[in-house]
């Protein structure tokens, strides 16, 4: 079993507004951070269930069973003689508690994974929507730029026409003035 993902701490990211904004999709699922609840019992129960998945647990259990059998077979003690009915009862009791705890931890982990996956999907959708809005804004800006370029082209043509007209009129006035002075 894998350990639960660290729960996001909004105060940790207070200086980074973008990171805090990204975590908004996780807030509705923060109650799933502990598989057995957020109280002391929940924390102990989950850590106990996760302990069953460690090599340390297997080694300690194996050592206890070997010592148990050696003490009873060698005759050092006689609290559980062969066929080790008390040992069998201890394993049954352990299984009776371990199996539900492990299954509950797996179920809650699956719930957390699903909730985090849904939050991730919402985040991806929000990013896609933002990208689409940016693209639409850029398209509108491109259209405005094209309109401004067309207006600029029209104004440049008009300025050129007016400049030619001014040149013609200037030449006509010049001709008129030079012609009047010659007479």
C-alpha atoms as a PDB file:
ATOM      1  CA  UNK A   1       0.000   0.000   0.000  1.00  0.00           C
ATOM      2  CA  UNK A   2       1.209   3.471  -0.732  1.00  0.00           C
ATOM      3  CA  UNK A   3       1.168   6.240   1.774  1.00  0.00           C
ATOM      4  CA  UNK A   4      -1.391   9.010   1.281  1.00  0.00           C
ATOM      5  CA  UNK A   5      -0.265  12.089  -0.619  1.00  0.00           C
ATOM      6  CA  UNK A   6       0.723  14.981   1.572  1.00  0.00           C
ATOM      7  CA  UNK A   7      -2.214  17.251   2.170  1.00  0.00           C
ATOM      8  CA  UNK A   8      -1.735  20.707   0.694  1.00  0.00           C
ATOM      9  CA  UNK A   9      -1.069  23.388   3.279  1.00  0.00           C
ATOM     10  CA  UNK A  10      -2.504  26.675   1.992  1.00  0.00           C
ATOM     11  CA  UNK A  11      -0.477  28.718   4.502  1.00  0.00           C
ATOM     12  CA  UNK A  12       2.699  27.178   3.076  1.00  0.00           C
ATOM     13  CA  UNK A  13       1.855  28.622  -0.338  1.00  0.00           C
ATOM     14  CA  UNK A  14       0.466  31.957   0.851  1.00  0.00           C
ATOM     15  CA  UNK A  15       3.287  33.886  -0.810  1.00  0.00           C
ATOM     16  CA  UNK A  16       2.735  32.046  -4.076  1.00  0.00           C
ATOM     17  CA  UNK A  17      -0.743  33.053  -5.271  1.00  0.00           C
ATOM     18  CA  UNK A  18      -0.589  30.852  -8.371  1.00  0.00           C
ATOM     19  CA  UNK A  19       0.162  27.718  -6.360  1.00  0.00           C
ATOM     20  CA  UNK A  20      -2.669  28.512  -3.937  1.00  0.00           C
ATOM     21  CA  UNK A  21      -4.985  29.045  -6.905  1.00  0.00           C
ATOM     22  CA  UNK A  22      -4.043  25.598  -8.287  1.00  0.00           C
ATOM     23  CA  UNK A  23      -4.909  23.910  -4.963  1.00  0.00           C
ATOM     24  CA  UNK A  24      -8.487  25.242  -4.936  1.00  0.00           C
ATOM     25  CA  UNK A  25      -9.627  22.008  -6.588  1.00  0.00           C
ATOM     26  CA  UNK A  26      -8.234  19.935  -3.699  1.00  0.00           C
ATOM     27  CA  UNK A  27     -10.065  21.823  -0.911  1.00  0.00           C
ATOM     28  CA  UNK A  28     -13.350  19.864  -1.230  1.00  0.00           C
ATOM     29  CA  UNK A  29     -11.385  16.621  -0.823  1.00  0.00           C
ATOM     30  CA  UNK A  30      -9.208  17.508   2.184  1.00  0.00           C
ATOM     31  CA  UNK A  31     -11.485  15.464   4.473  1.00  0.00           C
ATOM     32  CA  UNK A  32     -10.155  12.346   2.723  1.00  0.00           C
ATOM     33  CA  UNK A  33      -6.551  12.846   3.824  1.00  0.00           C
ATOM     34  CA  UNK A  34      -6.832  10.268   6.617  1.00  0.00           C
ATOM     35  CA  UNK A  35      -8.280   6.877   5.784  1.00  0.00           C
ATOM     36  CA  UNK A  36      -9.873   6.363   9.228  1.00  0.00           C
ATOM     37  CA  UNK A  37     -10.851   9.891  10.100  1.00  0.00           C
ATOM     38  CA  UNK A  38      -8.853  12.800  11.394  1.00  0.00           C
ATOM     39  CA  UNK A  39      -8.889  11.872  15.119  1.00  0.00           C
ATOM     40  CA  UNK A  40      -6.267  10.054  17.150  1.00  0.00           C
ATOM     41  CA  UNK A  41      -8.009   6.692  16.641  1.00  0.00           C
ATOM     42  CA  UNK A  42      -7.997   7.208  12.883  1.00  0.00           C
ATOM     43  CA  UNK A  43      -4.308   8.022  12.811  1.00  0.00           C
ATOM     44  CA  UNK A  44      -3.377   5.004  14.962  1.00  0.00           C
ATOM     45  CA  UNK A  45      -5.648   2.636  13.006  1.00  0.00           C
ATOM     46  CA  UNK A  46      -4.225   3.732   9.664  1.00  0.00           C
ATOM     47  CA  UNK A  47      -0.619   3.511  10.834  1.00  0.00           C
ATOM     48  CA  UNK A  48      -1.354   0.038  12.273  1.00  0.00           C
ATOM     49  CA  UNK A  49      -2.929  -1.093   8.972  1.00  0.00           C
ATOM     50  CA  UNK A  50       0.034   0.255   7.027  1.00  0.00           C
ATOM     51  CA  UNK A  51       2.452  -1.470   9.411  1.00  0.00           C
ATOM     52  CA  UNK A  52       1.164  -4.867   8.206  1.00  0.00           C
ATOM     53  CA  UNK A  53       2.766  -4.120   4.821  1.00  0.00           C
ATOM     54  CA  UNK A  54       6.307  -3.756   6.158  1.00  0.00           C
ATOM     55  CA  UNK A  55       9.193  -6.257   6.224  1.00  0.00           C
ATOM     56  CA  UNK A  56       9.742  -5.294   9.870  1.00  0.00           C
ATOM     57  CA  UNK A  57       6.295  -6.662  10.776  1.00  0.00           C
ATOM     58  CA  UNK A  58       6.982  -9.946   8.962  1.00  0.00           C
ATOM     59  CA  UNK A  59      10.368 -10.376  10.667  1.00  0.00           C
ATOM     60  CA  UNK A  60       8.980  -9.641  14.142  1.00  0.00           C
ATOM     61  CA  UNK A  61       6.001 -11.954  13.612  1.00  0.00           C
ATOM     62  CA  UNK A  62       8.290 -14.727  12.353  1.00  0.00           C
ATOM     63  CA  UNK A  63      10.593 -14.299  15.372  1.00  0.00           C
ATOM     64  CA  UNK A  64       7.643 -14.465  17.804  1.00  0.00           C
ATOM     65  CA  UNK A  65       6.304 -17.629  16.143  1.00  0.00           C
ATOM     66  CA  UNK A  66       9.754 -19.308  16.193  1.00  0.00           C
ATOM     67  CA  UNK A  67      10.286 -18.395  19.860  1.00  0.00           C
ATOM     68  CA  UNK A  68       6.733 -19.555  20.678  1.00  0.00           C
ATOM     69  CA  UNK A  69       7.268 -22.941  19.028  1.00  0.00           C
ATOM     70  CA  UNK A  70      10.795 -23.444  20.414  1.00  0.00           C
ATOM     71  CA  UNK A  71       9.704 -22.650  23.988  1.00  0.00           C
ATOM     72  CA  UNK A  72       6.794 -25.114  23.776  1.00  0.00           C
ATOM     73  CA  UNK A  73       8.528 -27.936  21.853  1.00  0.00           C
ATOM     74  CA  UNK A  74      11.684 -27.786  24.002  1.00  0.00           C
ATOM     75  CA  UNK A  75       9.554 -28.040  27.131  1.00  0.00           C
ATOM     76  CA  UNK A  76      10.779 -24.747  28.588  1.00  0.00           C
ATOM     77  CA  UNK A  77       7.153 -23.749  28.971  1.00  0.00           C
ATOM     78  CA  UNK A  78       3.872 -25.538  28.371  1.00  0.00           C
ATOM     79  CA  UNK A  79       1.352 -22.753  27.784  1.00  0.00           C
ATOM     80  CA  UNK A  80       0.636 -23.940  24.195  1.00  0.00           C
ATOM     81  CA  UNK A  81       1.722 -27.486  23.491  1.00  0.00           C
ATOM     82  CA  UNK A  82       1.638 -29.074  20.066  1.00  0.00           C
ATOM     83  CA  UNK A  83      -0.640 -28.597  17.864  1.00  0.00           C
ATOM     84  CA  UNK A  84      -0.335 -24.942  19.038  1.00  0.00           C
ATOM     85  CA  UNK A  85      -4.018 -24.158  19.359  1.00  0.00           C
ATOM     86  CA  UNK A  86      -3.347 -20.871  21.186  1.00  0.00           C
ATOM     87  CA  UNK A  87      -0.947 -19.783  18.406  1.00  0.00           C
ATOM     88  CA  UNK A  88      -3.615 -20.625  15.826  1.00  0.00           C
ATOM     89  CA  UNK A  89      -6.134 -18.612  17.838  1.00  0.00           C
ATOM     90  CA  UNK A  90      -3.716 -15.658  17.984  1.00  0.00           C
ATOM     91  CA  UNK A  91      -3.298 -15.769  14.160  1.00  0.00           C
ATOM     92  CA  UNK A  92      -7.058 -15.962  13.699  1.00  0.00           C
ATOM     93  CA  UNK A  93      -7.575 -12.992  15.991  1.00  0.00           C
ATOM     94  CA  UNK A  94      -4.874 -11.045  14.194  1.00  0.00           C
ATOM     95  CA  UNK A  95      -6.437 -11.856  10.812  1.00  0.00           C
ATOM     96  CA  UNK A  96      -9.880 -10.903  12.095  1.00  0.00           C
ATOM     97  CA  UNK A  97      -8.623  -7.408  12.899  1.00  0.00           C
ATOM     98  CA  UNK A  98      -5.974  -6.981  10.203  1.00  0.00           C
ATOM     99  CA  UNK A  99      -8.088  -7.848   7.174  1.00  0.00           C
ATOM    100  CA  UNK A 100     -10.825  -5.261   7.788  1.00  0.00           C
ATOM    101  CA  UNK A 101      -8.258  -2.607   8.649  1.00  0.00           C
ATOM    102  CA  UNK A 102      -6.276  -3.294   5.485  1.00  0.00           C
ATOM    103  CA  UNK A 103      -9.401  -3.413   3.325  1.00  0.00           C
ATOM    104  CA  UNK A 104     -10.655  -0.182   4.864  1.00  0.00           C
ATOM    105  CA  UNK A 105      -7.302   1.476   4.245  1.00  0.00           C
ATOM    106  CA  UNK A 106      -7.341   0.292   0.616  1.00  0.00           C
ATOM    107  CA  UNK A 107     -10.930   1.431   0.102  1.00  0.00           C
ATOM    108  CA  UNK A 108     -10.266   4.858   1.581  1.00  0.00           C
ATOM    109  CA  UNK A 109      -7.036   5.130  -0.434  1.00  0.00           C
ATOM    110  CA  UNK A 110      -9.059   4.370  -3.566  1.00  0.00           C
ATOM    111  CA  UNK A 111     -11.559   7.058  -2.508  1.00  0.00           C
ATOM    112  CA  UNK A 112      -8.725   9.544  -2.015  1.00  0.00           C
ATOM    113  CA  UNK A 113      -7.205   8.601  -5.373  1.00  0.00           C
ATOM    114  CA  UNK A 114     -10.576   9.035  -7.082  1.00  0.00           C
ATOM    115  CA  UNK A 115     -11.230  12.393  -5.402  1.00  0.00           C
ATOM    116  CA  UNK A 116      -7.757  13.657  -6.259  1.00  0.00           C
ATOM    117  CA  UNK A 117      -8.195  12.408  -9.821  1.00  0.00           C
ATOM    118  CA  UNK A 118     -11.483  14.309 -10.070  1.00  0.00           C
ATOM    119  CA  UNK A 119      -9.828  17.433  -8.653  1.00  0.00           C
ATOM    120  CA  UNK A 120      -7.027  17.006 -11.186  1.00  0.00           C
ATOM    121  CA  UNK A 121      -9.583  16.650 -13.993  1.00  0.00           C
ATOM    122  CA  UNK A 122     -11.337  19.842 -12.826  1.00  0.00           C
ATOM    123  CA  UNK A 123      -7.982  21.597 -12.775  1.00  0.00           C
ATOM    124  CA  UNK A 124      -7.199  20.420 -16.320  1.00  0.00           C
ATOM    125  CA  UNK A 125     -10.648  21.591 -17.479  1.00  0.00           C
ATOM    126  CA  UNK A 126     -10.070  24.993 -15.883  1.00  0.00           C
ATOM    127  CA  UNK A 127      -6.686  25.228 -17.591  1.00  0.00           C
ATOM    128  CA  UNK A 128      -8.251  24.270 -20.936  1.00  0.00           C
ATOM    129  CA  UNK A 129     -10.986  26.877 -20.474  1.00  0.00           C
ATOM    130  CA  UNK A 130      -8.408  29.533 -19.580  1.00  0.00           C
ATOM    131  CA  UNK A 131      -6.336  28.575 -22.636  1.00  0.00           C
ATOM    132  CA  UNK A 132      -9.452  28.789 -24.811  1.00  0.00           C
ATOM    133  CA  UNK A 133     -10.278  32.218 -23.386  1.00  0.00           C
ATOM    134  CA  UNK A 134      -6.694  33.380 -24.001  1.00  0.00           C
ATOM    135  CA  UNK A 135      -6.896  32.068 -27.564  1.00  0.00           C
ATOM    136  CA  UNK A 136     -10.209  33.884 -28.110  1.00  0.00           C
ATOM    137  CA  UNK A 137      -8.718  37.082 -26.680  1.00  0.00           C
ATOM    138  CA  UNK A 138      -5.688  36.731 -28.984  1.00  0.00           C
ATOM    139  CA  UNK A 139      -7.990  36.163 -31.966  1.00  0.00           C
ATOM    140  CA  UNK A 140      -9.916  39.342 -31.077  1.00  0.00           C
ATOM    141  CA  UNK A 141      -6.645  41.248 -30.730  1.00  0.00           C
ATOM    142  CA  UNK A 142      -5.485  39.908 -34.111  1.00  0.00           C
ATOM    143  CA  UNK A 143      -8.752  41.108 -35.681  1.00  0.00           C
ATOM    144  CA  UNK A 144      -8.292  44.548 -34.076  1.00  0.00           C
ATOM    145  CA  UNK A 145      -4.690  44.705 -35.281  1.00  0.00           C
ATOM    146  CA  UNK A 146      -5.782  43.785 -38.813  1.00  0.00           C
ATOM    147  CA  UNK A 147      -8.490  46.475 -38.743  1.00  0.00           C
ATOM    148  CA  UNK A 148      -5.958  49.033 -37.485  1.00  0.00           C
ATOM    149  CA  UNK A 149      -3.500  48.029 -40.221  1.00  0.00           C
ATOM    150  CA  UNK A 150      -6.212  48.420 -42.849  1.00  0.00           C
ATOM    151  CA  UNK A 151      -7.109  51.849 -41.468  1.00  0.00           C
ATOM    152  CA  UNK A 152      -3.433  52.770 -41.456  1.00  0.00           C
ATOM    153  CA  UNK A 153      -3.118  51.635 -45.064  1.00  0.00           C
ATOM    154  CA  UNK A 154      -6.179  53.687 -46.041  1.00  0.00           C
ATOM    155  CA  UNK A 155      -4.838  56.731 -44.193  1.00  0.00           C
ATOM    156  CA  UNK A 156      -1.462  56.302 -45.855  1.00  0.00           C
ATOM    157  CA  UNK A 157      -3.143  56.166 -49.295  1.00  0.00           C
ATOM    158  CA  UNK A 158      -5.252  59.227 -48.441  1.00  0.00           C
ATOM    159  CA  UNK A 159      -2.153  61.063 -47.194  1.00  0.00           C
ATOM    160  CA  UNK A 160      -0.357  60.147 -50.430  1.00  0.00           C
ATOM    161  CA  UNK A 161      -3.307  61.370 -52.527  1.00  0.00           C
ATOM    162  CA  UNK A 162      -3.502  64.585 -50.529  1.00  0.00           C
ATOM    163  CA  UNK A 163       0.255  65.074 -50.852  1.00  0.00           C
ATOM    164  CA  UNK A 164      -0.009  64.646 -54.636  1.00  0.00           C
ATOM    165  CA  UNK A 165      -2.947  67.083 -54.720  1.00  0.00           C
ATOM    166  CA  UNK A 166      -1.009  69.593 -52.607  1.00  0.00           C
ATOM    167  CA  UNK A 167       1.960  69.193 -54.951  1.00  0.00           C
ATOM    168  CA  UNK A 168      -0.258  69.820 -57.983  1.00  0.00           C
ATOM    169  CA  UNK A 169      -1.896  72.830 -56.317  1.00  0.00           C
ATOM    170  CA  UNK A 170       1.471  74.173 -55.193  1.00  0.00           C
ATOM    171  CA  UNK A 171       2.762  73.847 -58.734  1.00  0.00           C
ATOM    172  CA  UNK A 172      -0.365  75.572 -60.060  1.00  0.00           C
ATOM    173  CA  UNK A 173      -0.049  78.423 -57.541  1.00  0.00           C
ATOM    174  CA  UNK A 174       3.646  78.702 -58.367  1.00  0.00           C
ATOM    175  CA  UNK A 175       2.855  78.840 -62.074  1.00  0.00           C
ATOM    176  CA  UNK A 176       0.170  81.400 -61.463  1.00  0.00           C
ATOM    177  CA  UNK A 177       2.476  83.596 -59.346  1.00  0.00           C
ATOM    178  CA  UNK A 178       5.413  83.313 -61.749  1.00  0.00           C
ATOM    179  CA  UNK A 179       3.086  84.016 -64.667  1.00  0.00           C
ATOM    180  CA  UNK A 180       1.627  87.109 -62.930  1.00  0.00           C
ATOM    181  CA  UNK A 181       5.026  88.550 -62.183  1.00  0.00           C
ATOM    182  CA  UNK A 182       6.183  88.135 -65.748  1.00  0.00           C
ATOM    183  CA  UNK A 183       3.369  90.258 -67.114  1.00  0.00           C
END
